[in-house]
Amino acid sequence: MGGVETCRRVKRRLEAAGLPGNISPHSFRSCAATDLLLQGVPLDDVQHLLGHSDVRTTRLYDRRQKAVTRDSVERISV
């Protein structure tokens, strides 16, 4: 099964579940990479698991810095 077919299947399943259509297979890879990094798995191990030849590619999947924390929300003045 190729990448295009995988993406189509994911989109069909998302639609059937009533979930946003902007999720892609890469969204799942990013979630997995970020979760592994949050659990303390070394970046080079995550790189190997994702099959990246360059660690810079793996860093693109790391969403730890994009998390909204309670501290950041409390700084918003209304």
PDB file of N, CA and C in Angstrom:
ATOM      1  N   MET A   1       0.865  -1.181   0.000  1.00  0.00           N
ATOM      2  CA  MET A   1       0.000   0.000   0.000  1.00  0.00           C
ATOM      3  C   MET A   1       0.902   1.231   0.000  1.00  0.00           C
ATOM      4  N   GLY A   2       0.674   2.124  -0.956  1.00  0.00           N
ATOM      5  CA  GLY A   2       1.482   3.325  -1.082  1.00  0.00           C
ATOM      6  C   GLY A   2       1.024   4.442  -0.166  1.00  0.00           C
ATOM      7  N   GLY A   3       1.814   5.510  -0.137  1.00  0.00           N
ATOM      8  CA  GLY A   3       1.522   6.642   0.719  1.00  0.00           C
ATOM      9  C   GLY A   3       0.215   7.339   0.380  1.00  0.00           C
ATOM     10  N   VAL A   4      -0.086   7.445  -0.907  1.00  0.00           N
ATOM     11  CA  VAL A   4      -1.323   8.118  -1.320  1.00  0.00           C
ATOM     12  C   VAL A   4      -2.541   7.320  -0.859  1.00  0.00           C
ATOM     13  N   GLU A   5      -2.477   6.008  -1.036  1.00  0.00           N
ATOM     14  CA  GLU A   5      -3.597   5.165  -0.598  1.00  0.00           C
ATOM     15  C   GLU A   5      -3.747   5.190   0.922  1.00  0.00           C
ATOM     16  N   THR A   6      -2.636   5.202   1.636  1.00  0.00           N
ATOM     17  CA  THR A   6      -2.690   5.296   3.101  1.00  0.00           C
ATOM     18  C   THR A   6      -3.382   6.583   3.519  1.00  0.00           C
ATOM     19  N   CYS A   7      -3.015   7.673   2.883  1.00  0.00           N
ATOM     20  CA  CYS A   7      -3.623   8.971   3.202  1.00  0.00           C
ATOM     21  C   CYS A   7      -5.125   8.947   2.919  1.00  0.00           C
ATOM     22  N   ARG A   8      -5.515   8.367   1.811  1.00  0.00           N
ATOM     23  CA  ARG A   8      -6.948   8.277   1.482  1.00  0.00           C
ATOM     24  C   ARG A   8      -7.710   7.464   2.528  1.00  0.00           C
ATOM     25  N   ARG A   9      -7.112   6.367   2.947  1.00  0.00           N
ATOM     26  CA  ARG A   9      -7.772   5.534   3.961  1.00  0.00           C
ATOM     27  C   ARG A   9      -7.930   6.286   5.281  1.00  0.00           C
ATOM     28  N   VAL A  10      -6.885   6.992   5.673  1.00  0.00           N
ATOM     29  CA  VAL A  10      -6.951   7.772   6.910  1.00  0.00           C
ATOM     30  C   VAL A  10      -8.051   8.828   6.790  1.00  0.00           C
ATOM     31  N   LYS A  11      -8.101   9.528   5.671  1.00  0.00           N
ATOM     32  CA  LYS A  11      -9.116  10.569   5.465  1.00  0.00           C
ATOM     33  C   LYS A  11     -10.536   9.994   5.520  1.00  0.00           C
ATOM     34  N   ARG A  12     -10.731   8.823   4.905  1.00  0.00           N
ATOM     35  CA  ARG A  12     -12.055   8.186   4.946  1.00  0.00           C
ATOM     36  C   ARG A  12     -12.443   7.819   6.384  1.00  0.00           C
ATOM     37  N   ARG A  13     -11.498   7.287   7.127  1.00  0.00           N
ATOM     38  CA  ARG A  13     -11.782   6.899   8.517  1.00  0.00           C
ATOM     39  C   ARG A  13     -12.066   8.121   9.382  1.00  0.00           C
ATOM     40  N   LEU A  14     -11.331   9.187   9.158  1.00  0.00           N
ATOM     41  CA  LEU A  14     -11.566  10.431   9.909  1.00  0.00           C
ATOM     42  C   LEU A  14     -12.956  10.977   9.620  1.00  0.00           C
ATOM     43  N   GLU A  15     -13.320  10.994   8.337  1.00  0.00           N
ATOM     44  CA  GLU A  15     -14.638  11.489   7.947  1.00  0.00           C
ATOM     45  C   GLU A  15     -15.742  10.626   8.575  1.00  0.00           C
ATOM     46  N   ALA A  16     -15.569   9.318   8.515  1.00  0.00           N
ATOM     47  CA  ALA A  16     -16.567   8.407   9.081  1.00  0.00           C
ATOM     48  C   ALA A  16     -16.720   8.605  10.591  1.00  0.00           C
ATOM     49  N   ALA A  17     -15.633   8.993  11.235  1.00  0.00           N
ATOM     50  CA  ALA A  17     -15.669   9.206  12.685  1.00  0.00           C
ATOM     51  C   ALA A  17     -16.071  10.630  13.059  1.00  0.00           C
ATOM     52  N   GLY A  18     -16.264  11.492  12.051  1.00  0.00           N
ATOM     53  CA  GLY A  18     -16.637  12.876  12.326  1.00  0.00           C
ATOM     54  C   GLY A  18     -15.491  13.709  12.860  1.00  0.00           C
ATOM     55  N   LEU A  19     -14.268  13.317  12.547  1.00  0.00           N
ATOM     56  CA  LEU A  19     -13.081  14.038  13.016  1.00  0.00           C
ATOM     57  C   LEU A  19     -12.582  15.003  11.947  1.00  0.00           C
ATOM     58  N   PRO A  20     -11.773  15.977  12.336  1.00  0.00           N
ATOM     59  CA  PRO A  20     -11.268  16.972  11.377  1.00  0.00           C
ATOM     60  C   PRO A  20     -10.491  16.323  10.231  1.00  0.00           C
ATOM     61  N   GLY A  21     -10.668  16.855   9.048  1.00  0.00           N
ATOM     62  CA  GLY A  21     -10.009  16.316   7.866  1.00  0.00           C
ATOM     63  C   GLY A  21      -8.580  16.779   7.691  1.00  0.00           C
ATOM     64  N   ASN A  22      -8.103  17.661   8.564  1.00  0.00           N
ATOM     65  CA  ASN A  22      -6.736  18.162   8.406  1.00  0.00           C
ATOM     66  C   ASN A  22      -5.698  17.258   9.071  1.00  0.00           C
ATOM     67  N   ILE A  23      -6.119  16.115   9.585  1.00  0.00           N
ATOM     68  CA  ILE A  23      -5.201  15.146  10.165  1.00  0.00           C
ATOM     69  C   ILE A  23      -4.686  14.265   9.037  1.00  0.00           C
ATOM     70  N   SER A  24      -3.402  13.929   9.098  1.00  0.00           N
ATOM     71  CA  SER A  24      -2.800  13.089   8.063  1.00  0.00           C
ATOM     72  C   SER A  24      -1.995  11.972   8.728  1.00  0.00           C
ATOM     73  N   PRO A  25      -1.517  11.023   7.945  1.00  0.00           N
ATOM     74  CA  PRO A  25      -0.641  10.009   8.537  1.00  0.00           C
ATOM     75  C   PRO A  25       0.567  10.626   9.233  1.00  0.00           C
ATOM     76  N   HIS A  26       1.051  11.752   8.710  1.00  0.00           N
ATOM     77  CA  HIS A  26       2.177  12.421   9.362  1.00  0.00           C
ATOM     78  C   HIS A  26       1.789  12.977  10.729  1.00  0.00           C
ATOM     79  N   SER A  27       0.517  13.302  10.910  1.00  0.00           N
ATOM     80  CA  SER A  27       0.054  13.741  12.229  1.00  0.00           C
ATOM     81  C   SER A  27       0.277  12.635  13.253  1.00  0.00           C
ATOM     82  N   PHE A  28      -0.005  11.401  12.850  1.00  0.00           N
ATOM     83  CA  PHE A  28       0.200  10.269  13.750  1.00  0.00           C
ATOM     84  C   PHE A  28       1.681  10.044  14.031  1.00  0.00           C
ATOM     85  N   ARG A  29       2.515  10.211  13.003  1.00  0.00           N
ATOM     86  CA  ARG A  29       3.966  10.072  13.194  1.00  0.00           C
ATOM     87  C   ARG A  29       4.471  11.139  14.146  1.00  0.00           C
ATOM     88  N   SER A  30       3.979  12.354  13.990  1.00  0.00           N
ATOM     89  CA  SER A  30       4.388  13.449  14.863  1.00  0.00           C
ATOM     90  C   SER A  30       3.965  13.184  16.304  1.00  0.00           C
ATOM     91  N   CYS A  31       2.735  12.706  16.487  1.00  0.00           N
ATOM     92  CA  CYS A  31       2.252  12.378  17.837  1.00  0.00           C
ATOM     93  C   CYS A  31       3.103  11.283  18.458  1.00  0.00           C
ATOM     94  N   ALA A  32       3.409  10.260  17.681  1.00  0.00           N
ATOM     95  CA  ALA A  32       4.218   9.154  18.192  1.00  0.00           C
ATOM     96  C   ALA A  32       5.617   9.638  18.570  1.00  0.00           C
ATOM     97  N   ALA A  33       6.233  10.426  17.699  1.00  0.00           N
ATOM     98  CA  ALA A  33       7.574  10.936  17.974  1.00  0.00           C
ATOM     99  C   ALA A  33       7.583  11.796  19.229  1.00  0.00           C
ATOM    100  N   THR A  34       6.626  12.703  19.325  1.00  0.00           N
ATOM    101  CA  THR A  34       6.553  13.590  20.488  1.00  0.00           C
ATOM    102  C   THR A  34       6.316  12.796  21.756  1.00  0.00           C
ATOM    103  N   ASP A  35       5.418  11.818  21.704  1.00  0.00           N
ATOM    104  CA  ASP A  35       5.136  10.999  22.879  1.00  0.00           C
ATOM    105  C   ASP A  35       6.378  10.238  23.325  1.00  0.00           C
ATOM    106  N   LEU A  36       7.101   9.661  22.388  1.00  0.00           N
ATOM    107  CA  LEU A  36       8.331   8.941  22.733  1.00  0.00           C
ATOM    108  C   LEU A  36       9.350   9.873  23.377  1.00  0.00           C
ATOM    109  N   LEU A  37       9.499  11.070  22.821  1.00  0.00           N
ATOM    110  CA  LEU A  37      10.448  12.034  23.376  1.00  0.00           C
ATOM    111  C   LEU A  37      10.027  12.486  24.776  1.00  0.00           C
ATOM    112  N   LEU A  38       8.721  12.670  24.985  1.00  0.00           N
ATOM    113  CA  LEU A  38       8.224  13.034  26.316  1.00  0.00           C
ATOM    114  C   LEU A  38       8.485  11.926  27.334  1.00  0.00           C
ATOM    115  N   GLN A  39       8.525  10.689  26.869  1.00  0.00           N
ATOM    116  CA  GLN A  39       8.803   9.554  27.752  1.00  0.00           C
ATOM    117  C   GLN A  39      10.293   9.359  28.003  1.00  0.00           C
ATOM    118  N   GLY A  40      11.115  10.204  27.380  1.00  0.00           N
ATOM    119  CA  GLY A  40      12.559  10.136  27.607  1.00  0.00           C
ATOM    120  C   GLY A  40      13.334   9.278  26.629  1.00  0.00           C
ATOM    121  N   VAL A  41      12.681   8.823  25.565  1.00  0.00           N
ATOM    122  CA  VAL A  41      13.398   8.058  24.543  1.00  0.00           C
ATOM    123  C   VAL A  41      14.356   9.014  23.838  1.00  0.00           C
ATOM    124  N   PRO A  42      15.633   8.653  23.715  1.00  0.00           N
ATOM    125  CA  PRO A  42      16.606   9.545  23.067  1.00  0.00           C
ATOM    126  C   PRO A  42      16.224   9.864  21.622  1.00  0.00           C
ATOM    127  N   LEU A  43      16.551  11.076  21.201  1.00  0.00           N
ATOM    128  CA  LEU A  43      16.219  11.544  19.855  1.00  0.00           C
ATOM    129  C   LEU A  43      16.765  10.613  18.780  1.00  0.00           C
ATOM    130  N   ASP A  44      17.984  10.109  18.953  1.00  0.00           N
ATOM    131  CA  ASP A  44      18.546   9.239  17.923  1.00  0.00           C
ATOM    132  C   ASP A  44      17.785   7.909  17.825  1.00  0.00           C
ATOM    133  N   ASP A  45      17.197   7.439  18.934  1.00  0.00           N
ATOM    134  CA  ASP A  45      16.363   6.233  18.877  1.00  0.00           C
ATOM    135  C   ASP A  45      15.053   6.511  18.138  1.00  0.00           C
ATOM    136  N   VAL A  46      14.468   7.675  18.387  1.00  0.00           N
ATOM    137  CA  VAL A  46      13.241   8.058  17.681  1.00  0.00           C
ATOM    138  C   VAL A  46      13.551   8.214  16.191  1.00  0.00           C
ATOM    139  N   GLN A  47      14.685   8.803  15.887  1.00  0.00           N
ATOM    140  CA  GLN A  47      15.115   8.946  14.491  1.00  0.00           C
ATOM    141  C   GLN A  47      15.174   7.580  13.813  1.00  0.00           C
ATOM    142  N   HIS A  48      15.760   6.609  14.484  1.00  0.00           N
ATOM    143  CA  HIS A  48      15.865   5.261  13.924  1.00  0.00           C
ATOM    144  C   HIS A  48      14.474   4.636  13.738  1.00  0.00           C
ATOM    145  N   LEU A  49      13.599   4.791  14.738  1.00  0.00           N
ATOM    146  CA  LEU A  49      12.251   4.226  14.642  1.00  0.00           C
ATOM    147  C   LEU A  49      11.455   4.817  13.485  1.00  0.00           C
ATOM    148  N   LEU A  50      11.644   6.110  13.221  1.00  0.00           N
ATOM    149  CA  LEU A  50      10.921   6.766  12.137  1.00  0.00           C
ATOM    150  C   LEU A  50      11.590   6.556  10.778  1.00  0.00           C
ATOM    151  N   GLY A  51      12.798   6.015  10.783  1.00  0.00           N
ATOM    152  CA  GLY A  51      13.497   5.737   9.532  1.00  0.00           C
ATOM    153  C   GLY A  51      14.098   6.964   8.881  1.00  0.00           C
ATOM    154  N   HIS A  52      14.433   7.969   9.686  1.00  0.00           N
ATOM    155  CA  HIS A  52      15.023   9.183   9.131  1.00  0.00           C
ATOM    156  C   HIS A  52      16.543   9.041   9.044  1.00  0.00           C
ATOM    157  N   SER A  53      17.116   9.438   7.928  1.00  0.00           N
ATOM    158  CA  SER A  53      18.574   9.382   7.788  1.00  0.00           C
ATOM    159  C   SER A  53      19.233  10.603   8.433  1.00  0.00           C
ATOM    160  N   ASP A  54      18.476  11.666   8.615  1.00  0.00           N
ATOM    161  CA  ASP A  54      19.018  12.899   9.191  1.00  0.00           C
ATOM    162  C   ASP A  54      18.182  13.291  10.409  1.00  0.00           C
ATOM    163  N   VAL A  55      18.849  13.558  11.518  1.00  0.00           N
ATOM    164  CA  VAL A  55      18.154  13.894  12.760  1.00  0.00           C
ATOM    165  C   VAL A  55      17.353  15.196  12.631  1.00  0.00           C
ATOM    166  N   ARG A  56      17.741  16.057  11.712  1.00  0.00           N
ATOM    167  CA  ARG A  56      16.984  17.305  11.524  1.00  0.00           C
ATOM    168  C   ARG A  56      15.553  17.014  11.075  1.00  0.00           C
ATOM    169  N   THR A  57      15.370  15.963  10.304  1.00  0.00           N
ATOM    170  CA  THR A  57      14.024  15.571   9.891  1.00  0.00           C
ATOM    171  C   THR A  57      13.220  15.130  11.105  1.00  0.00           C
ATOM    172  N   THR A  58      13.832  14.360  11.974  1.00  0.00           N
ATOM    173  CA  THR A  58      13.148  13.887  13.183  1.00  0.00           C
ATOM    174  C   THR A  58      12.735  15.060  14.058  1.00  0.00           C
ATOM    175  N   ARG A  59      13.577  16.067  14.140  1.00  0.00           N
ATOM    176  CA  ARG A  59      13.248  17.251  14.960  1.00  0.00           C
ATOM    177  C   ARG A  59      11.992  17.954  14.452  1.00  0.00           C
ATOM    178  N   LEU A  60      11.696  17.843  13.154  1.00  0.00           N
ATOM    179  CA  LEU A  60      10.494  18.461  12.609  1.00  0.00           C
ATOM    180  C   LEU A  60       9.226  17.826  13.172  1.00  0.00           C
ATOM    181  N   TYR A  61       9.321  16.580  13.620  1.00  0.00           N
ATOM    182  CA  TYR A  61       8.181  15.859  14.174  1.00  0.00           C
ATOM    183  C   TYR A  61       8.013  16.090  15.680  1.00  0.00           C
ATOM    184  N   ASP A  62       8.963  16.763  16.300  1.00  0.00           N
ATOM    185  CA  ASP A  62       8.932  17.004  17.744  1.00  0.00           C
ATOM    186  C   ASP A  62       8.032  18.194  18.056  1.00  0.00           C
ATOM    187  N   ARG A  63       6.916  17.941  18.726  1.00  0.00           N
ATOM    188  CA  ARG A  63       5.951  18.996  19.047  1.00  0.00           C
ATOM    189  C   ARG A  63       5.953  19.365  20.528  1.00  0.00           C
ATOM    190  N   ARG A  64       7.005  18.966  21.255  1.00  0.00           N
ATOM    191  CA  ARG A  64       7.032  19.265  22.696  1.00  0.00           C
ATOM    192  C   ARG A  64       6.964  20.752  22.989  1.00  0.00           C
ATOM    193  N   GLN A  65       7.586  21.565  22.178  1.00  0.00           N
ATOM    194  CA  GLN A  65       7.601  23.011  22.423  1.00  0.00           C
ATOM    195  C   GLN A  65       6.294  23.680  22.029  1.00  0.00           C
ATOM    196  N   LYS A  66       5.425  22.963  21.330  1.00  0.00           N
ATOM    197  CA  LYS A  66       4.166  23.546  20.883  1.00  0.00           C
ATOM    198  C   LYS A  66       3.023  23.281  21.849  1.00  0.00           C
ATOM    199  N   ALA A  67       3.303  22.588  22.940  1.00  0.00           N
ATOM    200  CA  ALA A  67       2.260  22.258  23.908  1.00  0.00           C
ATOM    201  C   ALA A  67       1.812  23.508  24.656  1.00  0.00           C
ATOM    202  N   VAL A  68       0.519  23.639  24.859  1.00  0.00           N
ATOM    203  CA  VAL A  68      -0.028  24.741  25.632  1.00  0.00           C
ATOM    204  C   VAL A  68      -0.060  24.297  27.083  1.00  0.00           C
ATOM    205  N   THR A  69       0.611  25.060  27.913  1.00  0.00           N
ATOM    206  CA  THR A  69       0.661  24.716  29.330  1.00  0.00           C
ATOM    207  C   THR A  69      -0.259  25.635  30.122  1.00  0.00           C
ATOM    208  N   ARG A  70      -0.591  25.206  31.315  1.00  0.00           N
ATOM    209  CA  ARG A  70      -1.429  26.027  32.178  1.00  0.00           C
ATOM    210  C   ARG A  70      -0.755  27.367  32.459  1.00  0.00           C
ATOM    211  N   ASP A  71       0.564  27.333  32.650  1.00  0.00           N
ATOM    212  CA  ASP A  71       1.317  28.566  32.909  1.00  0.00           C
ATOM    213  C   ASP A  71       1.156  29.550  31.761  1.00  0.00           C
ATOM    214  N   SER A  72       1.248  29.083  30.529  1.00  0.00           N
ATOM    215  CA  SER A  72       1.126  29.995  29.379  1.00  0.00           C
ATOM    216  C   SER A  72      -0.291  30.535  29.260  1.00  0.00           C
ATOM    217  N   VAL A  73      -1.285  29.738  29.602  1.00  0.00           N
ATOM    218  CA  VAL A  73      -2.679  30.208  29.542  1.00  0.00           C
ATOM    219  C   VAL A  73      -2.923  31.264  30.628  1.00  0.00           C
ATOM    220  N   GLU A  74      -2.371  31.057  31.804  1.00  0.00           N
ATOM    221  CA  GLU A  74      -2.576  32.002  32.906  1.00  0.00           C
ATOM    222  C   GLU A  74      -1.921  33.360  32.638  1.00  0.00           C
ATOM    223  N   ARG A  75      -0.969  33.405  31.730  1.00  0.00           N
ATOM    224  CA  ARG A  75      -0.312  34.686  31.402  1.00  0.00           C
ATOM    225  C   ARG A  75      -1.158  35.556  30.480  1.00  0.00           C
ATOM    226  N   ILE A  76      -2.184  34.988  29.898  1.00  0.00           N
ATOM    227  CA  ILE A  76      -3.041  35.756  28.988  1.00  0.00           C
ATOM    228  C   ILE A  76      -3.921  36.678  29.798  1.00  0.00           C
ATOM    229  N   SER A  77      -3.841  37.971  29.496  1.00  0.00           N
ATOM    230  CA  SER A  77      -4.703  38.914  30.211  1.00  0.00           C
ATOM    231  C   SER A  77      -5.932  39.187  29.372  1.00  0.00           C
ATOM    232  N   VAL A  78      -7.064  39.238  30.035  1.00  0.00           N
ATOM    233  CA  VAL A  78      -8.318  39.422  29.316  1.00  0.00           C
ATOM    234  C   VAL A  78      -8.850  40.820  29.566  1.00  0.00           C
TER     235      VAL A  78
END
